Amino acid sequence: MLVRGIRGATTVPANTREDILRAAHELLDAIVRVNEIEHDHVASIIFTTTPDLNAEFPAVAAREAGWTDVALECMHEMNVPGSLARCLRILMHVNTNRAPGEIKHVYLHGARVLRRDLVGDGITEASQ
């Protein structure tokens, strides 16, 4: 098995604890579902948010969902002028036999604009 990175992003309606956790749960669940990830194969998960999201750590959503034995980290993205606001991203490191082309990256809601090249292939609206 190799370690592969699986990316995902979504937007959060408001800088509230509830909205951050809801968005993190939705994105995490979508990544796991569309990639058929087994919990034991996850090495670590990095959560990032734009600086305008600071009401809660998104990793709390993973802990609430039972990810208590996986290394989790929260960070802020660079504050680039004009970048997408209220954006939450996940980078999941997974042990897998899948080839890079078999990995499905998930972009939900307003974050679909980050990967226009994936629009239309079913990956960008994985949770719906």
C-alpha atoms as a PDB file:
ATOM      1  CA  MET A   1       0.000   0.000   0.000  1.00  0.00           C
ATOM      2  CA  LEU A   2       0.998   3.576  -0.644  1.00  0.00           C
ATOM      3  CA  VAL A   3      -0.042   6.737   1.149  1.00  0.00           C
ATOM      4  CA  ARG A   4      -2.232   8.944  -1.041  1.00  0.00           C
ATOM      5  CA  GLY A   5      -3.613  12.383  -0.308  1.00  0.00           C
ATOM      6  CA  ILE A   6      -7.304  12.999  -0.795  1.00  0.00           C
ATOM      7  CA  ARG A   7      -8.426  16.610  -0.941  1.00  0.00           C
ATOM      8  CA  GLY A   8     -11.720  18.253  -0.317  1.00  0.00           C
ATOM      9  CA  ALA A   9     -13.144  21.695   0.283  1.00  0.00           C
ATOM     10  CA  THR A  10     -16.422  23.348   1.121  1.00  0.00           C
ATOM     11  CA  THR A  11     -17.707  26.730   2.155  1.00  0.00           C
ATOM     12  CA  VAL A  12     -19.198  27.503   5.552  1.00  0.00           C
ATOM     13  CA  PRO A  13     -22.288  29.745   5.753  1.00  0.00           C
ATOM     14  CA  ALA A  14     -21.136  31.678   8.840  1.00  0.00           C
ATOM     15  CA  ASN A  15     -18.342  31.764  11.407  1.00  0.00           C
ATOM     16  CA  THR A  16     -20.272  29.844  14.055  1.00  0.00           C
ATOM     17  CA  ARG A  17     -19.360  26.677  15.893  1.00  0.00           C
ATOM     18  CA  GLU A  18     -22.427  24.918  14.524  1.00  0.00           C
ATOM     19  CA  ASP A  19     -21.798  25.882  10.887  1.00  0.00           C
ATOM     20  CA  ILE A  20     -18.109  24.916  11.023  1.00  0.00           C
ATOM     21  CA  LEU A  21     -18.871  21.524  12.560  1.00  0.00           C
ATOM     22  CA  ARG A  22     -21.747  20.857  10.163  1.00  0.00           C
ATOM     23  CA  ALA A  23     -19.569  21.687   7.149  1.00  0.00           C
ATOM     24  CA  ALA A  24     -16.653  19.613   8.434  1.00  0.00           C
ATOM     25  CA  HIS A  25     -18.930  16.607   9.079  1.00  0.00           C
ATOM     26  CA  GLU A  26     -20.475  16.880   5.617  1.00  0.00           C
ATOM     27  CA  LEU A  27     -17.125  17.147   3.835  1.00  0.00           C
ATOM     28  CA  LEU A  28     -15.463  14.392   5.853  1.00  0.00           C
ATOM     29  CA  ASP A  29     -18.419  12.052   5.309  1.00  0.00           C
ATOM     30  CA  ALA A  30     -18.441  12.765   1.564  1.00  0.00           C
ATOM     31  CA  ILE A  31     -14.714  12.084   1.167  1.00  0.00           C
ATOM     32  CA  VAL A  32     -15.016   8.794   3.071  1.00  0.00           C
ATOM     33  CA  ARG A  33     -18.135   7.709   1.183  1.00  0.00           C
ATOM     34  CA  VAL A  34     -17.081   8.431  -2.395  1.00  0.00           C
ATOM     35  CA  ASN A  35     -13.634   6.923  -1.854  1.00  0.00           C
ATOM     36  CA  GLU A  36     -14.906   3.945   0.170  1.00  0.00           C
ATOM     37  CA  ILE A  37     -12.296   4.652   2.832  1.00  0.00           C
ATOM     38  CA  GLU A  38     -11.770   2.210   5.679  1.00  0.00           C
ATOM     39  CA  HIS A  39     -11.158   3.971   8.978  1.00  0.00           C
ATOM     40  CA  ASP A  40      -8.086   1.833   9.733  1.00  0.00           C
ATOM     41  CA  HIS A  41      -6.411   2.990   6.520  1.00  0.00           C
ATOM     42  CA  VAL A  42      -6.429   6.695   7.439  1.00  0.00           C
ATOM     43  CA  ALA A  43      -3.013   7.892   8.598  1.00  0.00           C
ATOM     44  CA  SER A  44      -3.886  11.529   9.328  1.00  0.00           C
ATOM     45  CA  ILE A  45      -6.218  14.377   8.439  1.00  0.00           C
ATOM     46  CA  ILE A  46      -5.288  18.028   8.097  1.00  0.00           C
ATOM     47  CA  PHE A  47      -8.109  20.562   8.330  1.00  0.00           C
ATOM     48  CA  THR A  48      -7.535  24.121   7.180  1.00  0.00           C
ATOM     49  CA  THR A  49      -9.798  27.135   7.235  1.00  0.00           C
ATOM     50  CA  THR A  50      -9.531  30.599   5.861  1.00  0.00           C
ATOM     51  CA  PRO A  51      -8.692  33.137   8.595  1.00  0.00           C
ATOM     52  CA  ASP A  52     -12.339  34.264   8.767  1.00  0.00           C
ATOM     53  CA  LEU A  53     -13.329  30.891  10.315  1.00  0.00           C
ATOM     54  CA  ASN A  54     -12.198  30.653  13.923  1.00  0.00           C
ATOM     55  CA  ALA A  55     -15.297  29.851  16.014  1.00  0.00           C
ATOM     56  CA  GLU A  56     -14.309  26.161  16.361  1.00  0.00           C
ATOM     57  CA  PHE A  57     -11.652  23.667  15.349  1.00  0.00           C
ATOM     58  CA  PRO A  58     -13.024  21.609  12.433  1.00  0.00           C
ATOM     59  CA  ALA A  59     -11.222  18.528  13.793  1.00  0.00           C
ATOM     60  CA  VAL A  60     -13.807  18.489  16.591  1.00  0.00           C
ATOM     61  CA  ALA A  61     -16.264  17.195  13.978  1.00  0.00           C
ATOM     62  CA  ALA A  62     -13.969  14.260  13.258  1.00  0.00           C
ATOM     63  CA  ARG A  63     -13.575  13.483  16.950  1.00  0.00           C
ATOM     64  CA  GLU A  64     -17.359  13.595  17.377  1.00  0.00           C
ATOM     65  CA  ALA A  65     -17.662  11.124  14.475  1.00  0.00           C
ATOM     66  CA  GLY A  66     -15.335   8.643  16.197  1.00  0.00           C
ATOM     67  CA  TRP A  67     -11.997   9.543  14.641  1.00  0.00           C
ATOM     68  CA  THR A  68     -10.287   9.380  18.039  1.00  0.00           C
ATOM     69  CA  ASP A  69      -7.314   7.232  16.974  1.00  0.00           C
ATOM     70  CA  VAL A  70      -6.283   9.264  13.911  1.00  0.00           C
ATOM     71  CA  ALA A  71      -3.806  12.144  13.941  1.00  0.00           C
ATOM     72  CA  LEU A  72      -5.733  15.372  13.302  1.00  0.00           C
ATOM     73  CA  GLU A  73      -4.420  18.900  12.805  1.00  0.00           C
ATOM     74  CA  CYS A  74      -6.096  22.270  12.271  1.00  0.00           C
ATOM     75  CA  MET A  75      -4.457  25.231  10.559  1.00  0.00           C
ATOM     76  CA  HIS A  76      -5.332  28.462   8.791  1.00  0.00           C
ATOM     77  CA  GLU A  77      -4.829  28.935   5.060  1.00  0.00           C
ATOM     78  CA  MET A  78      -2.728  31.794   3.728  1.00  0.00           C
ATOM     79  CA  ASN A  79      -4.667  35.047   3.662  1.00  0.00           C
ATOM     80  CA  VAL A  80      -4.439  35.681  -0.088  1.00  0.00           C
ATOM     81  CA  PRO A  81      -6.336  38.787  -1.272  1.00  0.00           C
ATOM     82  CA  GLY A  82      -9.381  37.824  -3.315  1.00  0.00           C
ATOM     83  CA  SER A  83      -9.361  34.167  -2.285  1.00  0.00           C
ATOM     84  CA  LEU A  84     -12.529  32.249  -1.483  1.00  0.00           C
ATOM     85  CA  ALA A  85     -13.992  33.331   1.880  1.00  0.00           C
ATOM     86  CA  ARG A  86     -15.196  31.005   4.652  1.00  0.00           C
ATOM     87  CA  CYS A  87     -13.519  27.995   3.053  1.00  0.00           C
ATOM     88  CA  LEU A  88     -12.809  24.782   4.944  1.00  0.00           C
ATOM     89  CA  ARG A  89     -10.421  22.267   3.405  1.00  0.00           C
ATOM     90  CA  ILE A  90      -9.406  18.704   4.241  1.00  0.00           C
ATOM     91  CA  LEU A  91      -6.283  16.812   3.247  1.00  0.00           C
ATOM     92  CA  MET A  92      -6.655  13.170   4.247  1.00  0.00           C
ATOM     93  CA  HIS A  93      -3.656  10.827   4.087  1.00  0.00           C
ATOM     94  CA  VAL A  94      -4.863   7.307   3.307  1.00  0.00           C
ATOM     95  CA  ASN A  95      -3.038   4.006   2.911  1.00  0.00           C
ATOM     96  CA  THR A  96      -4.421   2.530  -0.294  1.00  0.00           C
ATOM     97  CA  ASN A  97      -3.712   0.381  -3.317  1.00  0.00           C
ATOM     98  CA  ARG A  98      -5.641   2.789  -5.552  1.00  0.00           C
ATOM     99  CA  ALA A  99      -3.881   4.616  -8.342  1.00  0.00           C
ATOM    100  CA  PRO A 100      -3.891   8.422  -8.266  1.00  0.00           C
ATOM    101  CA  GLY A 101      -6.517   8.500 -11.015  1.00  0.00           C
ATOM    102  CA  GLU A 102      -8.877   6.434  -8.872  1.00  0.00           C
ATOM    103  CA  ILE A 103      -8.892   8.971  -6.029  1.00  0.00           C
ATOM    104  CA  LYS A 104     -11.966  11.217  -5.937  1.00  0.00           C
ATOM    105  CA  HIS A 105     -11.408  14.693  -4.560  1.00  0.00           C
ATOM    106  CA  VAL A 106     -14.554  16.346  -3.185  1.00  0.00           C
ATOM    107  CA  TYR A 107     -15.538  19.999  -3.644  1.00  0.00           C
ATOM    108  CA  LEU A 108     -18.881  21.073  -2.225  1.00  0.00           C
ATOM    109  CA  HIS A 109     -21.025  24.205  -2.308  1.00  0.00           C
ATOM    110  CA  GLY A 110     -19.105  27.412  -3.045  1.00  0.00           C
ATOM    111  CA  ALA A 111     -15.760  25.562  -3.085  1.00  0.00           C
ATOM    112  CA  ARG A 112     -16.647  24.019  -6.446  1.00  0.00           C
ATOM    113  CA  VAL A 113     -15.094  27.113  -8.031  1.00  0.00           C
ATOM    114  CA  LEU A 114     -11.697  25.989  -6.737  1.00  0.00           C
ATOM    115  CA  ARG A 115     -11.655  23.025  -9.112  1.00  0.00           C
ATOM    116  CA  ARG A 116     -13.663  23.913 -12.181  1.00  0.00           C
ATOM    117  CA  ASP A 117     -11.808  21.120 -13.979  1.00  0.00           C
ATOM    118  CA  LEU A 118     -13.735  18.574 -11.889  1.00  0.00           C
ATOM    119  CA  VAL A 119     -17.199  20.035 -12.454  1.00  0.00           C
ATOM    120  CA  GLY A 120     -19.478  17.596 -14.236  1.00  0.00           C
ATOM    121  CA  ASP A 121     -17.722  14.384 -13.265  1.00  0.00           C
ATOM    122  CA  GLY A 122     -19.827  13.783 -10.156  1.00  0.00           C
ATOM    123  CA  ILE A 123     -17.049  14.552  -7.714  1.00  0.00           C
ATOM    124  CA  THR A 124     -17.941  18.121  -6.869  1.00  0.00           C
ATOM    125  CA  GLU A 125     -21.372  17.356  -5.451  1.00  0.00           C
ATOM    126  CA  ALA A 126     -20.536  14.074  -3.768  1.00  0.00           C
ATOM    127  CA  SER A 127     -22.716  14.652  -0.744  1.00  0.00           C
ATOM    128  CA  GLN A 128     -25.937  15.195  -2.642  1.00  0.00           C
END
